[in-house]
Amino acid sequence: MLWGLLAHINIRFSTAVTYWKFYRTPFMRLLWKSMRNGFKKYTIRSEWLRLSMGGVTVMMTSGEDLTENVKAIIDDCGYTSVWDEFTDEARYLFHISQFPILYTASAISKIRAGYSFQEASAIEQVKKTNIPIFFIHGSEDNFVNTDMVYSLYEACPTQKDLYVVEGAGHGQSLYLDPDLYFEKVFSFIDSL
């Protein structure tokens, strides 16, 4: 049953060693809450909690025909589309425009991978979803522009909620106040 829990509520961190101190407490809280419920609620129902690229990956599947046990998506600091994210980063990090680099890279992606950067759009999938989504984002995120979460939230036609964490950078919302973070996550799941 523990593996079912881990498979269905999957929190992705970039470096487990760095975040172990922070990861342990929310994980134990999640495990304890699941054990109290006999593992029923959080293993039978699939709630996907993903950060950054994982959040976008889950959102990009949200408009597809998913299995009936997927009941909710929880996205932390996801972006609207690959094109939007690359454009934002080109401006912010490198102070360059989209042309010619992004257009060229997108064309190469179309040839090699079969899709352009414009086609890889989480917002278009979110528009088609029938699954409730809880959007989380840091107000000081300088990697994925915070404005993107508002666009995603507005595009979502199903039950939704939004939690913008003041002062949090990219992927830091969980670490500023883990108790409040998981309180809001569980509150959203319990509202379904």
Protein backbone atom coordinates (compact mmCIF):
# COMPACT_ATOMS: atom_id res chain seq x y z
CA MET A 1 0.00 0.00 0.00
CA LEU A 2 2.85 2.39 0.69
CA TRP A 3 4.01 2.07 -2.92
CA GLY A 4 0.50 2.90 -4.08
CA LEU A 5 0.62 6.03 -1.97
CA LEU A 6 4.00 7.03 -3.37
CA ALA A 7 2.93 6.35 -6.93
CA HIS A 8 -0.24 8.41 -6.70
CA ILE A 9 0.93 11.36 -4.66
CA ASN A 10 4.26 12.07 -6.23
CA ILE A 11 6.25 15.08 -5.08
CA ARG A 12 9.23 15.69 -7.31
CA PHE A 13 12.29 17.47 -5.99
CA SER A 14 15.44 18.30 -7.88
CA THR A 15 17.87 17.13 -5.20
CA ALA A 16 16.61 14.77 -2.54
CA VAL A 17 19.66 15.28 -0.35
CA THR A 18 19.30 19.07 -0.29
CA TYR A 19 15.59 18.99 0.49
CA TRP A 20 15.51 15.98 2.80
CA LYS A 21 15.08 18.18 5.87
CA PHE A 22 12.02 19.84 4.34
CA TYR A 23 10.75 16.75 2.52
CA ARG A 24 10.66 14.55 5.62
CA THR A 25 8.07 16.53 7.58
CA PRO A 26 5.41 16.99 4.85
CA PHE A 27 5.96 13.42 3.66
CA MET A 28 5.45 12.07 7.16
CA ARG A 29 2.35 14.22 7.54
CA LEU A 30 1.01 12.88 4.25
CA LEU A 31 1.84 9.31 5.24
CA TRP A 32 0.20 9.74 8.65
CA LYS A 33 -2.96 11.25 7.18
CA SER A 34 -3.16 8.43 4.65
CA MET A 35 -2.62 5.79 7.33
CA ARG A 36 -5.39 7.32 9.46
CA ASN A 37 -7.71 7.01 6.45
CA GLY A 38 -6.67 3.40 5.91
CA PHE A 39 -4.85 4.40 2.71
CA LYS A 40 -8.24 4.55 1.04
CA LYS A 41 -8.53 8.17 0.05
CA TYR A 42 -5.05 8.78 -1.25
CA THR A 43 -4.36 5.47 -2.95
CA ILE A 44 -7.63 4.74 -4.70
CA ARG A 45 -8.03 8.31 -5.89
CA SER A 46 -5.13 9.64 -7.88
CA GLU A 47 -4.27 13.21 -7.03
CA TRP A 48 -1.22 14.34 -8.96
CA LEU A 49 0.99 16.86 -7.18
CA ARG A 50 3.86 17.97 -9.36
CA LEU A 51 6.36 20.84 -9.39
CA SER A 52 7.54 22.88 -12.38
CA MET A 53 8.19 20.59 -15.39
CA GLY A 54 6.29 17.84 -13.64
CA GLY A 55 3.37 20.23 -13.16
CA VAL A 56 3.40 21.11 -16.84
CA THR A 57 3.62 17.44 -17.79
CA VAL A 58 0.54 16.66 -15.73
CA MET A 59 -1.33 19.69 -17.09
CA MET A 60 -0.44 18.66 -20.66
CA THR A 61 -2.22 15.37 -20.03
CA SER A 62 -5.21 17.04 -18.34
CA GLY A 63 -7.12 17.50 -21.60
CA GLU A 64 -6.64 13.87 -22.64
CA ASP A 65 -8.92 10.94 -21.89
CA LEU A 66 -7.53 9.87 -18.50
CA THR A 67 -8.49 6.91 -16.35
CA GLU A 68 -11.42 7.45 -14.02
CA ASN A 69 -9.29 7.14 -10.88
CA VAL A 70 -7.55 10.46 -11.65
CA LYS A 71 -9.63 12.87 -9.58
CA ALA A 72 -7.49 16.01 -9.32
CA ILE A 73 -4.32 17.71 -10.45
CA ILE A 74 -2.21 19.88 -8.18
CA ASP A 75 0.28 22.00 -10.10
CA ASP A 76 3.07 23.96 -8.46
CA CYS A 77 4.78 26.62 -10.64
CA GLY A 78 3.84 25.26 -14.04
CA TYR A 79 3.99 27.36 -17.21
CA THR A 80 1.49 28.00 -20.00
CA SER A 81 3.49 26.67 -22.96
CA VAL A 82 7.01 25.82 -24.01
CA TRP A 83 7.00 28.80 -26.39
CA ASP A 84 5.96 31.22 -23.62
CA GLU A 85 8.53 29.82 -21.19
CA PHE A 86 11.40 29.90 -23.68
CA THR A 87 10.45 33.43 -24.79
CA ASP A 88 10.36 34.63 -21.19
CA GLU A 89 13.69 33.02 -20.37
CA ALA A 90 15.34 34.33 -23.56
CA ARG A 91 14.38 37.86 -22.52
CA TYR A 92 15.10 37.50 -18.79
CA LEU A 93 18.31 35.46 -18.82
CA PHE A 94 19.91 36.33 -22.13
CA HIS A 95 18.27 39.64 -23.13
CA ILE A 96 17.55 38.37 -26.64
CA SER A 97 14.43 38.33 -28.79
CA GLN A 98 12.63 35.26 -30.09
CA PHE A 99 13.97 35.65 -33.59
CA PRO A 100 16.01 33.87 -34.91
CA ILE A 101 17.02 31.45 -32.13
CA LEU A 102 13.61 30.31 -30.81
CA TYR A 103 12.07 30.08 -34.27
CA THR A 104 15.02 28.00 -35.47
CA ALA A 105 15.00 25.75 -32.40
CA SER A 106 11.23 25.30 -32.74
CA ALA A 107 11.61 24.30 -36.41
CA ILE A 108 14.31 21.78 -35.49
CA SER A 109 12.04 20.41 -32.75
CA LYS A 110 9.26 20.00 -35.33
CA ILE A 111 11.58 18.03 -37.61
CA ARG A 112 13.23 15.87 -34.94
CA ALA A 113 10.54 15.47 -32.28
CA GLY A 114 7.42 16.00 -34.38
CA TYR A 115 6.11 19.11 -32.61
CA SER A 116 6.92 22.81 -32.47
CA PHE A 117 7.32 24.81 -29.27
CA GLN A 118 3.95 26.47 -29.93
CA GLU A 119 2.21 23.07 -30.01
CA ALA A 120 3.53 22.07 -26.56
CA SER A 121 0.87 24.02 -24.70
CA ALA A 122 -0.38 23.27 -21.22
CA ILE A 123 -2.96 26.05 -21.44
CA GLU A 124 -4.63 24.46 -24.48
CA GLN A 125 -4.89 21.15 -22.63
CA VAL A 126 -6.19 22.84 -19.47
CA LYS A 127 -8.98 24.41 -21.56
CA LYS A 128 -10.17 20.88 -22.46
CA THR A 129 -9.91 19.30 -19.01
CA ASN A 130 -12.73 17.86 -16.96
CA ILE A 131 -10.48 17.30 -13.92
CA PRO A 132 -10.30 19.78 -11.00
CA ILE A 133 -6.95 21.61 -10.79
CA PHE A 134 -5.32 23.37 -7.85
CA PHE A 135 -2.76 25.91 -9.07
CA ILE A 136 0.12 26.95 -6.78
CA HIS A 137 2.80 29.51 -7.65
CA GLY A 138 5.34 31.70 -5.91
CA SER A 139 4.86 35.47 -6.21
CA GLU A 140 8.60 35.99 -6.67
CA ASP A 141 9.16 33.23 -9.24
CA ASN A 142 11.72 34.56 -11.71
CA PHE A 143 12.00 31.33 -13.68
CA VAL A 144 8.33 30.78 -14.57
CA ASN A 145 6.61 34.15 -14.67
CA THR A 146 3.88 34.34 -12.01
CA ASP A 147 1.47 35.84 -14.57
CA MET A 148 1.32 32.43 -16.25
CA VAL A 149 -0.57 30.88 -13.33
CA TYR A 150 -3.35 33.46 -13.69
CA SER A 151 -3.73 32.59 -17.39
CA LEU A 152 -3.87 28.88 -16.56
CA TYR A 153 -6.39 29.49 -13.78
CA GLU A 154 -8.66 31.53 -16.07
CA ALA A 155 -8.45 28.88 -18.81
CA CYS A 156 -9.52 26.02 -16.51
CA PRO A 157 -13.25 25.23 -16.99
CA THR A 158 -13.57 22.83 -14.03
CA GLN A 159 -13.42 23.16 -10.26
CA LYS A 160 -10.23 25.06 -9.50
CA ASP A 161 -8.38 26.95 -6.83
CA LEU A 162 -5.37 29.23 -6.79
CA TYR A 163 -2.73 29.71 -4.10
CA VAL A 164 -0.02 32.32 -4.79
CA VAL A 165 2.59 32.18 -2.06
CA GLU A 166 3.95 35.62 -1.20
CA GLY A 167 7.73 35.82 -1.35
CA ALA A 168 8.24 32.34 -2.83
CA GLY A 169 10.59 31.85 -5.76
CA HIS A 170 10.51 29.02 -8.27
CA GLY A 171 9.60 25.74 -6.57
CA GLN A 172 9.88 27.29 -3.10
CA SER A 173 6.20 27.54 -2.16
CA LEU A 174 6.32 24.27 -0.23
CA TYR A 175 9.33 25.31 1.83
CA LEU A 176 8.16 28.70 3.09
CA ASP A 177 5.30 27.24 5.09
CA PRO A 178 4.93 23.46 4.60
CA ASP A 179 2.04 23.22 7.08
CA LEU A 180 -0.06 25.81 5.26
CA TYR A 181 0.94 24.39 1.87
CA PHE A 182 -0.29 20.89 2.70
CA GLU A 183 -3.31 22.24 4.56
CA LYS A 184 -4.39 23.95 1.33
CA VAL A 185 -3.57 20.90 -0.80
CA PHE A 186 -5.55 18.55 1.45
CA SER A 187 -8.39 21.06 1.74
CA PHE A 188 -8.67 21.13 -2.07
CA ILE A 189 -8.58 17.32 -2.27
CA ASP A 190 -11.18 17.03 0.50
CA SER A 191 -13.48 19.46 -1.34
CA LEU A 192 -13.82 17.10 -4.30
